Amino acid sequence: MAEALAKADTSLQPEYSVYIYHRPENQHEGQNDWEMRTITPDINIALDEAESLYDSQSYRKVEVKQRVIDPKTEKVCDYTLKVFTLEHNGVSLAAVLCSACVLLLASAFVYFLTRFF
């Protein structure tokens, strides 16, 4: 009975998975673009592994997910804890530079009009 309780307690402990997402140029025919790389019960090990993989710049994205089992429903739930990505979400640098150039040219045009006319 004590062994069953101990086993049940450890099965309810969260585990942490590190997923890597391959770059298109490194992906082989028929291969998923993602792969589970590590599973560990220690969040620090998972985060260190993910950061190391991200720093290698070999993958387009690295995620750390926490997997827990809901004791009531006995269903597995995954939660994304951290995402390291080389992809840019939001406004790109090129868009910011283009906007700055347009504003600069518009300001110069207005200055020219007010100065010489």
PDB file of N, CA and C in Angstrom:
ATOM      1  N   MET A   1       0.828  -1.196   0.000  1.00  0.00           N
ATOM      2  CA  MET A   1       0.000   0.000   0.000  1.00  0.00           C
ATOM      3  C   MET A   1       0.869   1.255   0.000  1.00  0.00           C
ATOM      4  N   ALA A   2       1.916   1.277   0.823  1.00  0.00           N
ATOM      5  CA  ALA A   2       2.806   2.436   0.876  1.00  0.00           C
ATOM      6  C   ALA A   2       3.506   2.631  -0.468  1.00  0.00           C
ATOM      7  N   GLU A   3       3.873   1.504  -1.129  1.00  0.00           N
ATOM      8  CA  GLU A   3       4.528   1.606  -2.438  1.00  0.00           C
ATOM      9  C   GLU A   3       3.584   2.208  -3.470  1.00  0.00           C
ATOM     10  N   ALA A   4       2.321   1.824  -3.424  1.00  0.00           N
ATOM     11  CA  ALA A   4       1.340   2.354  -4.369  1.00  0.00           C
ATOM     12  C   ALA A   4       1.171   3.861  -4.177  1.00  0.00           C
ATOM     13  N   LEU A   5       1.125   4.321  -2.912  1.00  0.00           N
ATOM     14  CA  LEU A   5       1.004   5.747  -2.645  1.00  0.00           C
ATOM     15  C   LEU A   5       2.244   6.501  -3.116  1.00  0.00           C
ATOM     16  N   ALA A   6       3.409   5.939  -2.879  1.00  0.00           N
ATOM     17  CA  ALA A   6       4.647   6.583  -3.311  1.00  0.00           C
ATOM     18  C   ALA A   6       4.696   6.677  -4.829  1.00  0.00           C
ATOM     19  N   LYS A   7       4.287   5.609  -5.517  1.00  0.00           N
ATOM     20  CA  LYS A   7       4.272   5.610  -6.975  1.00  0.00           C
ATOM     21  C   LYS A   7       3.256   6.628  -7.491  1.00  0.00           C
ATOM     22  N   ALA A   8       2.108   6.706  -6.851  1.00  0.00           N
ATOM     23  CA  ALA A   8       1.075   7.663  -7.268  1.00  0.00           C
ATOM     24  C   ALA A   8       1.566   9.088  -7.069  1.00  0.00           C
ATOM     25  N   ASP A   9       2.285   9.350  -5.967  1.00  0.00           N
ATOM     26  CA  ASP A   9       2.787  10.692  -5.709  1.00  0.00           C
ATOM     27  C   ASP A   9       3.808  11.116  -6.759  1.00  0.00           C
ATOM     28  N   THR A  10       4.702  10.205  -7.168  1.00  0.00           N
ATOM     29  CA  THR A  10       5.706  10.571  -8.165  1.00  0.00           C
ATOM     30  C   THR A  10       5.076  10.725  -9.541  1.00  0.00           C
ATOM     31  N   SER A  11       4.007   9.989  -9.832  1.00  0.00           N
ATOM     32  CA  SER A  11       3.372  10.132 -11.139  1.00  0.00           C
ATOM     33  C   SER A  11       2.652  11.473 -11.255  1.00  0.00           C
ATOM     34  N   LEU A  12       2.314  12.096 -10.112  1.00  0.00           N
ATOM     35  CA  LEU A  12       1.649  13.387 -10.121  1.00  0.00           C
ATOM     36  C   LEU A  12       2.646  14.542 -10.182  1.00  0.00           C
ATOM     37  N   GLN A  13       3.938  14.240 -10.017  1.00  0.00           N
ATOM     38  CA  GLN A  13       4.960  15.269 -10.087  1.00  0.00           C
ATOM     39  C   GLN A  13       5.092  15.748 -11.531  1.00  0.00           C
ATOM     40  N   PRO A  14       5.281  17.033 -11.718  1.00  0.00           N
ATOM     41  CA  PRO A  14       5.426  17.523 -13.092  1.00  0.00           C
ATOM     42  C   PRO A  14       6.753  17.074 -13.693  1.00  0.00           C
ATOM     43  N   GLU A  15       6.760  16.955 -15.006  1.00  0.00           N
ATOM     44  CA  GLU A  15       8.003  16.733 -15.716  1.00  0.00           C
ATOM     45  C   GLU A  15       8.120  17.827 -16.776  1.00  0.00           C
ATOM     46  N   TYR A  16       9.323  18.084 -17.185  1.00  0.00           N
ATOM     47  CA  TYR A  16       9.595  19.185 -18.093  1.00  0.00           C
ATOM     48  C   TYR A  16      10.211  18.636 -19.373  1.00  0.00           C
ATOM     49  N   SER A  17       9.679  19.067 -20.501  1.00  0.00           N
ATOM     50  CA  SER A  17      10.139  18.604 -21.803  1.00  0.00           C
ATOM     51  C   SER A  17      10.714  19.781 -22.570  1.00  0.00           C
ATOM     52  N   VAL A  18      11.774  19.490 -23.327  1.00  0.00           N
ATOM     53  CA  VAL A  18      12.375  20.486 -24.203  1.00  0.00           C
ATOM     54  C   VAL A  18      12.099  20.050 -25.634  1.00  0.00           C
ATOM     55  N   TYR A  19      11.460  20.934 -26.396  1.00  0.00           N
ATOM     56  CA  TYR A  19      11.143  20.667 -27.795  1.00  0.00           C
ATOM     57  C   TYR A  19      11.984  21.588 -28.673  1.00  0.00           C
ATOM     58  N   ILE A  20      12.493  21.034 -29.763  1.00  0.00           N
ATOM     59  CA  ILE A  20      13.218  21.835 -30.734  1.00  0.00           C
ATOM     60  C   ILE A  20      12.420  21.875 -32.027  1.00  0.00           C
ATOM     61  N   TYR A  21      12.509  22.986 -32.727  1.00  0.00           N
ATOM     62  CA  TYR A  21      11.841  23.166 -34.013  1.00  0.00           C
ATOM     63  C   TYR A  21      12.929  23.417 -35.057  1.00  0.00           C
ATOM     64  N   HIS A  22      13.014  22.502 -36.019  1.00  0.00           N
ATOM     65  CA  HIS A  22      14.071  22.552 -37.021  1.00  0.00           C
ATOM     66  C   HIS A  22      13.875  23.715 -37.992  1.00  0.00           C
ATOM     67  N   ARG A  23      14.975  24.208 -38.498  1.00  0.00           N
ATOM     68  CA  ARG A  23      14.928  25.185 -39.590  1.00  0.00           C
ATOM     69  C   ARG A  23      14.548  24.436 -40.858  1.00  0.00           C
ATOM     70  N   PRO A  24      13.829  25.082 -41.763  1.00  0.00           N
ATOM     71  CA  PRO A  24      13.411  24.394 -42.996  1.00  0.00           C
ATOM     72  C   PRO A  24      14.581  23.795 -43.780  1.00  0.00           C
ATOM     73  N   GLU A  25      15.718  24.492 -43.811  1.00  0.00           N
ATOM     74  CA  GLU A  25      16.858  23.981 -44.572  1.00  0.00           C
ATOM     75  C   GLU A  25      17.510  22.761 -43.918  1.00  0.00           C
ATOM     76  N   ASN A  26      17.252  22.538 -42.629  1.00  0.00           N
ATOM     77  CA  ASN A  26      17.822  21.385 -41.927  1.00  0.00           C
ATOM     78  C   ASN A  26      16.827  20.238 -41.786  1.00  0.00           C
ATOM     79  N   GLN A  27      15.645  20.406 -42.311  1.00  0.00           N
ATOM     80  CA  GLN A  27      14.594  19.407 -42.169  1.00  0.00           C
ATOM     81  C   GLN A  27      14.680  18.408 -43.313  1.00  0.00           C
ATOM     82  N   HIS A  28      14.601  17.121 -42.968  1.00  0.00           N
ATOM     83  CA  HIS A  28      14.666  16.058 -43.964  1.00  0.00           C
ATOM     84  C   HIS A  28      13.258  15.704 -44.441  1.00  0.00           C
ATOM     85  N   GLU A  29      13.179  15.132 -45.615  1.00  0.00           N
ATOM     86  CA  GLU A  29      11.905  14.711 -46.204  1.00  0.00           C
ATOM     87  C   GLU A  29      11.166  13.775 -45.250  1.00  0.00           C
ATOM     88  N   GLY A  30       9.914  14.074 -44.986  1.00  0.00           N
ATOM     89  CA  GLY A  30       9.090  13.225 -44.131  1.00  0.00           C
ATOM     90  C   GLY A  30       9.310  13.424 -42.640  1.00  0.00           C
ATOM     91  N   GLN A  31      10.196  14.334 -42.264  1.00  0.00           N
ATOM     92  CA  GLN A  31      10.500  14.591 -40.858  1.00  0.00           C
ATOM     93  C   GLN A  31       9.594  15.700 -40.334  1.00  0.00           C
ATOM     94  N   ASN A  32       9.119  15.544 -39.100  1.00  0.00           N
ATOM     95  CA  ASN A  32       8.365  16.624 -38.467  1.00  0.00           C
ATOM     96  C   ASN A  32       9.280  17.827 -38.307  1.00  0.00           C
ATOM     97  N   ASP A  33       8.693  19.008 -38.241  1.00  0.00           N
ATOM     98  CA  ASP A  33       9.535  20.180 -38.026  1.00  0.00           C
ATOM     99  C   ASP A  33       9.896  20.350 -36.551  1.00  0.00           C
ATOM    100  N   TRP A  34       9.304  19.562 -35.662  1.00  0.00           N
ATOM    101  CA  TRP A  34       9.613  19.626 -34.240  1.00  0.00           C
ATOM    102  C   TRP A  34      10.056  18.260 -33.749  1.00  0.00           C
ATOM    103  N   GLU A  35      10.717  18.270 -32.586  1.00  0.00           N
ATOM    104  CA  GLU A  35      11.228  17.033 -31.988  1.00  0.00           C
ATOM    105  C   GLU A  35      11.370  17.258 -30.482  1.00  0.00           C
ATOM    106  N   MET A  36      10.944  16.261 -29.684  1.00  0.00           N
ATOM    107  CA  MET A  36      11.159  16.340 -28.243  1.00  0.00           C
ATOM    108  C   MET A  36      12.605  15.940 -27.983  1.00  0.00           C
ATOM    109  N   ARG A  37      13.349  16.795 -27.306  1.00  0.00           N
ATOM    110  CA  ARG A  37      14.771  16.561 -27.118  1.00  0.00           C
ATOM    111  C   ARG A  37      15.100  15.994 -25.752  1.00  0.00           C
ATOM    112  N   THR A  38      14.442  16.489 -24.696  1.00  0.00           N
ATOM    113  CA  THR A  38      14.776  16.102 -23.322  1.00  0.00           C
ATOM    114  C   THR A  38      13.507  16.035 -22.478  1.00  0.00           C
ATOM    115  N   ILE A  39      13.484  15.089 -21.547  1.00  0.00           N
ATOM    116  CA  ILE A  39      12.447  15.031 -20.510  1.00  0.00           C
ATOM    117  C   ILE A  39      13.170  14.903 -19.177  1.00  0.00           C
ATOM    118  N   THR A  40      12.797  15.754 -18.228  1.00  0.00           N
ATOM    119  CA  THR A  40      13.449  15.730 -16.917  1.00  0.00           C
ATOM    120  C   THR A  40      12.458  16.179 -15.845  1.00  0.00           C
ATOM    121  N   PRO A  41      12.624  15.712 -14.604  1.00  0.00           N
ATOM    122  CA  PRO A  41      11.774  16.202 -13.518  1.00  0.00           C
ATOM    123  C   PRO A  41      12.268  17.535 -12.949  1.00  0.00           C
ATOM    124  N   ASP A  42      13.435  18.012 -13.413  1.00  0.00           N
ATOM    125  CA  ASP A  42      14.050  19.225 -12.875  1.00  0.00           C
ATOM    126  C   ASP A  42      13.905  20.380 -13.867  1.00  0.00           C
ATOM    127  N   ILE A  43      13.192  21.414 -13.462  1.00  0.00           N
ATOM    128  CA  ILE A  43      12.962  22.560 -14.351  1.00  0.00           C
ATOM    129  C   ILE A  43      14.260  23.266 -14.718  1.00  0.00           C
ATOM    130  N   ASN A  44      15.212  23.324 -13.796  1.00  0.00           N
ATOM    131  CA  ASN A  44      16.471  24.012 -14.071  1.00  0.00           C
ATOM    132  C   ASN A  44      17.276  23.299 -15.158  1.00  0.00           C
ATOM    133  N   ILE A  45      17.263  21.974 -15.134  1.00  0.00           N
ATOM    134  CA  ILE A  45      17.948  21.211 -16.172  1.00  0.00           C
ATOM    135  C   ILE A  45      17.288  21.473 -17.522  1.00  0.00           C
ATOM    136  N   ALA A  46      15.970  21.485 -17.552  1.00  0.00           N
ATOM    137  CA  ALA A  46      15.239  21.734 -18.802  1.00  0.00           C
ATOM    138  C   ALA A  46      15.535  23.131 -19.344  1.00  0.00           C
ATOM    139  N   LEU A  47      15.514  24.137 -18.481  1.00  0.00           N
ATOM    140  CA  LEU A  47      15.785  25.505 -18.920  1.00  0.00           C
ATOM    141  C   LEU A  47      17.223  25.665 -19.404  1.00  0.00           C
ATOM    142  N   ASP A  48      18.177  25.039 -18.700  1.00  0.00           N
ATOM    143  CA  ASP A  48      19.579  25.106 -19.120  1.00  0.00           C
ATOM    144  C   ASP A  48      19.777  24.441 -20.478  1.00  0.00           C
ATOM    145  N   GLU A  49      19.151  23.274 -20.668  1.00  0.00           N
ATOM    146  CA  GLU A  49      19.240  22.566 -21.944  1.00  0.00           C
ATOM    147  C   GLU A  49      18.638  23.404 -23.064  1.00  0.00           C
ATOM    148  N   ALA A  50      17.477  23.992 -22.807  1.00  0.00           N
ATOM    149  CA  ALA A  50      16.804  24.807 -23.825  1.00  0.00           C
ATOM    150  C   ALA A  50      17.645  26.029 -24.188  1.00  0.00           C
ATOM    151  N   GLU A  51      18.204  26.681 -23.203  1.00  0.00           N
ATOM    152  CA  GLU A  51      19.022  27.860 -23.473  1.00  0.00           C
ATOM    153  C   GLU A  51      20.283  27.485 -24.251  1.00  0.00           C
ATOM    154  N   SER A  52      20.874  26.361 -23.914  1.00  0.00           N
ATOM    155  CA  SER A  52      22.048  25.881 -24.638  1.00  0.00           C
ATOM    156  C   SER A  52      21.716  25.581 -26.102  1.00  0.00           C
ATOM    157  N   LEU A  53      20.583  24.922 -26.325  1.00  0.00           N
ATOM    158  CA  LEU A  53      20.153  24.628 -27.697  1.00  0.00           C
ATOM    159  C   LEU A  53      19.852  25.911 -28.462  1.00  0.00           C
ATOM    160  N   TYR A  54      19.221  26.860 -27.803  1.00  0.00           N
ATOM    161  CA  TYR A  54      18.914  28.144 -28.438  1.00  0.00           C
ATOM    162  C   TYR A  54      20.201  28.890 -28.795  1.00  0.00           C
ATOM    163  N   ASP A  55      21.159  28.905 -27.863  1.00  0.00           N
ATOM    164  CA  ASP A  55      22.426  29.601 -28.096  1.00  0.00           C
ATOM    165  C   ASP A  55      23.220  29.001 -29.257  1.00  0.00           C
ATOM    166  N   SER A  56      22.989  27.724 -29.550  1.00  0.00           N
ATOM    167  CA  SER A  56      23.689  27.085 -30.669  1.00  0.00           C
ATOM    168  C   SER A  56      23.208  27.621 -32.012  1.00  0.00           C
ATOM    169  N   GLN A  57      22.053  28.265 -32.048  1.00  0.00           N
ATOM    170  CA  GLN A  57      21.415  28.820 -33.244  1.00  0.00           C
ATOM    171  C   GLN A  57      21.215  27.772 -34.342  1.00  0.00           C
ATOM    172  N   SER A  58      21.073  26.516 -33.927  1.00  0.00           N
ATOM    173  CA  SER A  58      20.836  25.434 -34.877  1.00  0.00           C
ATOM    174  C   SER A  58      19.357  25.199 -35.129  1.00  0.00           C
ATOM    175  N   TYR A  59      18.502  25.787 -34.301  1.00  0.00           N
ATOM    176  CA  TYR A  59      17.062  25.554 -34.392  1.00  0.00           C
ATOM    177  C   TYR A  59      16.350  26.884 -34.466  1.00  0.00           C
ATOM    178  N   ARG A  60      15.196  26.900 -35.145  1.00  0.00           N
ATOM    179  CA  ARG A  60      14.454  28.151 -35.268  1.00  0.00           C
ATOM    180  C   ARG A  60      13.674  28.485 -34.007  1.00  0.00           C
ATOM    181  N   LYS A  61      13.374  27.453 -33.190  1.00  0.00           N
ATOM    182  CA  LYS A  61      12.635  27.687 -31.948  1.00  0.00           C
ATOM    183  C   LYS A  61      12.914  26.559 -30.982  1.00  0.00           C
ATOM    184  N   VAL A  62      12.972  26.885 -29.680  1.00  0.00           N
ATOM    185  CA  VAL A  62      13.138  25.899 -28.612  1.00  0.00           C
ATOM    186  C   VAL A  62      12.104  26.234 -27.544  1.00  0.00           C
ATOM    187  N   GLU A  63      11.354  25.217 -27.094  1.00  0.00           N
ATOM    188  CA  GLU A  63      10.312  25.425 -26.081  1.00  0.00           C
ATOM    189  C   GLU A  63      10.548  24.525 -24.881  1.00  0.00           C
ATOM    190  N   VAL A  64      10.175  25.027 -23.716  1.00  0.00           N
ATOM    191  CA  VAL A  64      10.148  24.220 -22.492  1.00  0.00           C
ATOM    192  C   VAL A  64       8.689  24.102 -22.088  1.00  0.00           C
ATOM    193  N   LYS A  65       8.251  22.862 -21.939  1.00  0.00           N
ATOM    194  CA  LYS A  65       6.855  22.618 -21.556  1.00  0.00           C
ATOM    195  C   LYS A  65       6.814  21.825 -20.257  1.00  0.00           C
ATOM    196  N   GLN A  66       5.804  22.110 -19.465  1.00  0.00           N
ATOM    197  CA  GLN A  66       5.567  21.381 -18.227  1.00  0.00           C
ATOM    198  C   GLN A  66       4.409  20.429 -18.457  1.00  0.00           C
ATOM    199  N   ARG A  67       4.617  19.192 -18.111  1.00  0.00           N
ATOM    200  CA  ARG A  67       3.566  18.179 -18.249  1.00  0.00           C
ATOM    201  C   ARG A  67       3.132  17.759 -16.848  1.00  0.00           C
ATOM    202  N   VAL A  68       1.837  17.887 -16.603  1.00  0.00           N
ATOM    203  CA  VAL A  68       1.265  17.464 -15.320  1.00  0.00           C
ATOM    204  C   VAL A  68       0.060  16.574 -15.594  1.00  0.00           C
ATOM    205  N   ILE A  69      -0.243  15.752 -14.624  1.00  0.00           N
ATOM    206  CA  ILE A  69      -1.422  14.896 -14.709  1.00  0.00           C
ATOM    207  C   ILE A  69      -2.451  15.433 -13.731  1.00  0.00           C
ATOM    208  N   ASP A  70      -3.616  15.758 -14.235  1.00  0.00           N
ATOM    209  CA  ASP A  70      -4.706  16.235 -13.390  1.00  0.00           C
ATOM    210  C   ASP A  70      -5.196  15.058 -12.557  1.00  0.00           C
ATOM    211  N   PRO A  71      -5.089  15.137 -11.226  1.00  0.00           N
ATOM    212  CA  PRO A  71      -5.469  13.997 -10.390  1.00  0.00           C
ATOM    213  C   PRO A  71      -6.962  13.659 -10.452  1.00  0.00           C
ATOM    214  N   LYS A  72      -7.779  14.648 -10.752  1.00  0.00           N
ATOM    215  CA  LYS A  72      -9.221  14.396 -10.805  1.00  0.00           C
ATOM    216  C   LYS A  72      -9.623  13.699 -12.098  1.00  0.00           C
ATOM    217  N   THR A  73      -9.122  14.209 -13.216  1.00  0.00           N
ATOM    218  CA  THR A  73      -9.517  13.650 -14.512  1.00  0.00           C
ATOM    219  C   THR A  73      -8.525  12.618 -15.039  1.00  0.00           C
ATOM    220  N   GLU A  74      -7.333  12.577 -14.417  1.00  0.00           N
ATOM    221  CA  GLU A  74      -6.245  11.692 -14.842  1.00  0.00           C
ATOM    222  C   GLU A  74      -5.832  11.938 -16.295  1.00  0.00           C
ATOM    223  N   LYS A  75      -5.988  13.175 -16.739  1.00  0.00           N
ATOM    224  CA  LYS A  75      -5.565  13.562 -18.080  1.00  0.00           C
ATOM    225  C   LYS A  75      -4.249  14.307 -18.006  1.00  0.00           C
ATOM    226  N   VAL A  76      -3.460  14.142 -19.041  1.00  0.00           N
ATOM    227  CA  VAL A  76      -2.177  14.822 -19.132  1.00  0.00           C
ATOM    228  C   VAL A  76      -2.392  16.207 -19.723  1.00  0.00           C
ATOM    229  N   CYS A  77      -1.800  17.211 -19.092  1.00  0.00           N
ATOM    230  CA  CYS A  77      -1.890  18.588 -19.570  1.00  0.00           C
ATOM    231  C   CYS A  77      -0.474  19.122 -19.772  1.00  0.00           C
ATOM    232  N   ASP A  78      -0.236  19.734 -20.917  1.00  0.00           N
ATOM    233  CA  ASP A  78       1.041  20.370 -21.219  1.00  0.00           C
ATOM    234  C   ASP A  78       0.865  21.872 -21.195  1.00  0.00           C
ATOM    235  N   TYR A  79       1.815  22.562 -20.563  1.00  0.00           N
ATOM    236  CA  TYR A  79       1.805  24.016 -20.505  1.00  0.00           C
ATOM    237  C   TYR A  79       3.154  24.522 -20.992  1.00  0.00           C
ATOM    238  N   THR A  80       3.154  25.450 -21.923  1.00  0.00           N
ATOM    239  CA  THR A  80       4.398  26.031 -22.402  1.00  0.00           C
ATOM    240  C   THR A  80       4.885  27.049 -21.378  1.00  0.00           C
ATOM    241  N   LEU A  81       6.101  26.834 -20.870  1.00  0.00           N
ATOM    242  CA  LEU A  81       6.658  27.714 -19.850  1.00  0.00           C
ATOM    243  C   LEU A  81       7.547  28.802 -20.444  1.00  0.00           C
ATOM    244  N   LYS A  82       8.351  28.432 -21.455  1.00  0.00           N
ATOM    245  CA  LYS A  82       9.285  29.400 -22.020  1.00  0.00           C
ATOM    246  C   LYS A  82       9.531  29.049 -23.472  1.00  0.00           C
ATOM    247  N   VAL A  83       9.639  30.076 -24.295  1.00  0.00           N
ATOM    248  CA  VAL A  83       9.915  29.901 -25.719  1.00  0.00           C
ATOM    249  C   VAL A  83      11.134  30.747 -26.073  1.00  0.00           C
ATOM    250  N   PHE A  84      12.122  30.102 -26.668  1.00  0.00           N
ATOM    251  CA  PHE A  84      13.281  30.794 -27.231  1.00  0.00           C
ATOM    252  C   PHE A  84      13.090  30.747 -28.739  1.00  0.00           C
ATOM    253  N   THR A  85      13.124  31.890 -29.399  1.00  0.00           N
ATOM    254  CA  THR A  85      12.877  31.881 -30.834  1.00  0.00           C
ATOM    255  C   THR A  85      13.781  32.860 -31.553  1.00  0.00           C
ATOM    256  N   LEU A  86      14.155  32.498 -32.761  1.00  0.00           N
ATOM    257  CA  LEU A  86      14.915  33.383 -33.636  1.00  0.00           C
ATOM    258  C   LEU A  86      13.981  34.126 -34.566  1.00  0.00           C
ATOM    259  N   GLU A  87      12.712  33.731 -34.584  1.00  0.00           N
ATOM    260  CA  GLU A  87      11.718  34.398 -35.413  1.00  0.00           C
ATOM    261  C   GLU A  87      11.338  35.710 -34.759  1.00  0.00           C
ATOM    262  N   HIS A  88      11.014  36.685 -35.573  1.00  0.00           N
ATOM    263  CA  HIS A  88      10.621  37.985 -35.048  1.00  0.00           C
ATOM    264  C   HIS A  88       9.110  38.081 -35.068  1.00  0.00           C
ATOM    265  N   ASN A  89       8.544  38.301 -33.919  1.00  0.00           N
ATOM    266  CA  ASN A  89       7.103  38.503 -33.823  1.00  0.00           C
ATOM    267  C   ASN A  89       6.861  40.001 -33.728  1.00  0.00           C
ATOM    268  N   GLY A  90       5.935  40.474 -34.498  1.00  0.00           N
ATOM    269  CA  GLY A  90       5.630  41.890 -34.449  1.00  0.00           C
ATOM    270  C   GLY A  90       6.284  42.635 -35.605  1.00  0.00           C
ATOM    271  N   VAL A  91       6.707  43.867 -35.340  1.00  0.00           N
ATOM    272  CA  VAL A  91       7.222  44.746 -36.376  1.00  0.00           C
ATOM    273  C   VAL A  91       8.685  44.403 -36.656  1.00  0.00           C
ATOM    274  N   SER A  92       9.024  44.289 -37.930  1.00  0.00           N
ATOM    275  CA  SER A  92      10.394  43.959 -38.296  1.00  0.00           C
ATOM    276  C   SER A  92      11.258  45.218 -38.291  1.00  0.00           C
ATOM    277  N   LEU A  93      12.548  45.019 -38.239  1.00  0.00           N
ATOM    278  CA  LEU A  93      13.487  46.125 -38.259  1.00  0.00           C
ATOM    279  C   LEU A  93      13.394  46.884 -39.580  1.00  0.00           C
ATOM    280  N   ALA A  94      13.196  46.165 -40.673  1.00  0.00           N
ATOM    281  CA  ALA A  94      13.075  46.804 -41.981  1.00  0.00           C
ATOM    282  C   ALA A  94      11.871  47.751 -42.015  1.00  0.00           C
ATOM    283  N   ALA A  95      10.756  47.340 -41.423  1.00  0.00           N
ATOM    284  CA  ALA A  95       9.573  48.195 -41.391  1.00  0.00           C
ATOM    285  C   ALA A  95       9.831  49.457 -40.571  1.00  0.00           C
ATOM    286  N   VAL A  96      10.545  49.319 -39.471  1.00  0.00           N
ATOM    287  CA  VAL A  96      10.864  50.473 -38.631  1.00  0.00           C
ATOM    288  C   VAL A  96      11.785  51.430 -39.395  1.00  0.00           C
ATOM    289  N   LEU A  97      12.792  50.890 -40.081  1.00  0.00           N
ATOM    290  CA  LEU A  97      13.709  51.736 -40.840  1.00  0.00           C
ATOM    291  C   LEU A  97      13.001  52.441 -41.989  1.00  0.00           C
ATOM    292  N   CYS A  98      12.116  51.738 -42.681  1.00  0.00           N
ATOM    293  CA  CYS A  98      11.347  52.361 -43.773  1.00  0.00           C
ATOM    294  C   CYS A  98      10.472  53.487 -43.239  1.00  0.00           C
ATOM    295  N   SER A  99       9.833  53.250 -42.118  1.00  0.00           N
ATOM    296  CA  SER A  99       8.985  54.293 -41.517  1.00  0.00           C
ATOM    297  C   SER A  99       9.822  55.503 -41.120  1.00  0.00           C
ATOM    298  N   ALA A 100      10.991  55.276 -40.569  1.00  0.00           N
ATOM    299  CA  ALA A 100      11.871  56.378 -40.168  1.00  0.00           C
ATOM    300  C   ALA A 100      12.320  57.176 -41.394  1.00  0.00           C
ATOM    301  N   CYS A 101      12.636  56.477 -42.485  1.00  0.00           N
ATOM    302  CA  CYS A 101      13.044  57.170 -43.717  1.00  0.00           C
ATOM    303  C   CYS A 101      11.914  58.018 -44.278  1.00  0.00           C
ATOM    304  N   VAL A 102      10.709  57.487 -44.275  1.00  0.00           N
ATOM    305  CA  VAL A 102       9.557  58.238 -44.776  1.00  0.00           C
ATOM    306  C   VAL A 102       9.343  59.487 -43.922  1.00  0.00           C
ATOM    307  N   LEU A 103       9.418  59.346 -42.612  1.00  0.00           N
ATOM    308  CA  LEU A 103       9.243  60.507 -41.728  1.00  0.00           C
ATOM    309  C   LEU A 103      10.342  61.542 -41.948  1.00  0.00           C
ATOM    310  N   LEU A 104      11.565  61.073 -42.118  1.00  0.00           N
ATOM    311  CA  LEU A 104      12.681  61.983 -42.349  1.00  0.00           C
ATOM    312  C   LEU A 104      12.500  62.738 -43.664  1.00  0.00           C
ATOM    313  N   LEU A 105      12.116  62.031 -44.722  1.00  0.00           N
ATOM    314  CA  LEU A 105      11.889  62.685 -46.008  1.00  0.00           C
ATOM    315  C   LEU A 105      10.726  63.665 -45.942  1.00  0.00           C
ATOM    316  N   ALA A 106       9.658  63.296 -45.244  1.00  0.00           N
ATOM    317  CA  ALA A 106       8.508  64.198 -45.100  1.00  0.00           C
ATOM    318  C   ALA A 106       8.908  65.446 -44.327  1.00  0.00           C
ATOM    319  N   SER A 107       9.702  65.279 -43.287  1.00  0.00           N
ATOM    320  CA  SER A 107      10.172  66.441 -42.507  1.00  0.00           C
ATOM    321  C   SER A 107      11.051  67.346 -43.361  1.00  0.00           C
ATOM    322  N   ALA A 108      11.938  66.744 -44.150  1.00  0.00           N
ATOM    323  CA  ALA A 108      12.806  67.540 -45.025  1.00  0.00           C
ATOM    324  C   ALA A 108      11.977  68.285 -46.061  1.00  0.00           C
ATOM    325  N   PHE A 109      10.972  67.645 -46.600  1.00  0.00           N
ATOM    326  CA  PHE A 109      10.100  68.275 -47.592  1.00  0.00           C
ATOM    327  C   PHE A 109       9.358  69.462 -46.987  1.00  0.00           C
ATOM    328  N   VAL A 110       8.808  69.273 -45.794  1.00  0.00           N
ATOM    329  CA  VAL A 110       8.093  70.362 -45.119  1.00  0.00           C
ATOM    330  C   VAL A 110       9.057  71.507 -44.812  1.00  0.00           C
ATOM    331  N   TYR A 111      10.237  71.177 -44.343  1.00  0.00           N
ATOM    332  CA  TYR A 111      11.257  72.211 -44.054  1.00  0.00           C
ATOM    333  C   TYR A 111      11.587  72.983 -45.326  1.00  0.00           C
ATOM    334  N   PHE A 112      11.795  72.253 -46.411  1.00  0.00           N
ATOM    335  CA  PHE A 112      12.113  72.897 -47.692  1.00  0.00           C
ATOM    336  C   PHE A 112      10.992  73.829 -48.141  1.00  0.00           C
ATOM    337  N   LEU A 113       9.742  73.386 -48.022  1.00  0.00           N
ATOM    338  CA  LEU A 113       8.600  74.213 -48.412  1.00  0.00           C
ATOM    339  C   LEU A 113       8.485  75.470 -47.561  1.00  0.00           C
ATOM    340  N   THR A 114       8.652  75.347 -46.273  1.00  0.00           N
ATOM    341  CA  THR A 114       8.509  76.497 -45.370  1.00  0.00           C
ATOM    342  C   THR A 114       9.697  77.431 -45.463  1.00  0.00           C
ATOM    343  N   ARG A 115      10.834  76.950 -45.807  1.00  0.00           N
ATOM    344  CA  ARG A 115      12.039  77.758 -45.865  1.00  0.00           C
ATOM    345  C   ARG A 115      12.130  78.573 -47.168  1.00  0.00           C
ATOM    346  N   PHE A 116      11.753  77.968 -48.258  1.00  0.00           N
ATOM    347  CA  PHE A 116      11.966  78.614 -49.549  1.00  0.00           C
ATOM    348  C   PHE A 116      10.688  79.128 -50.213  1.00  0.00           C
ATOM    349  N   PHE A 117       9.546  78.891 -49.648  1.00  0.00           N
ATOM    350  CA  PHE A 117       8.304  79.393 -50.284  1.00  0.00           C
ATOM    351  C   PHE A 117       7.532  80.254 -49.366  1.00  0.00           C
TER     352      PHE A 117
END
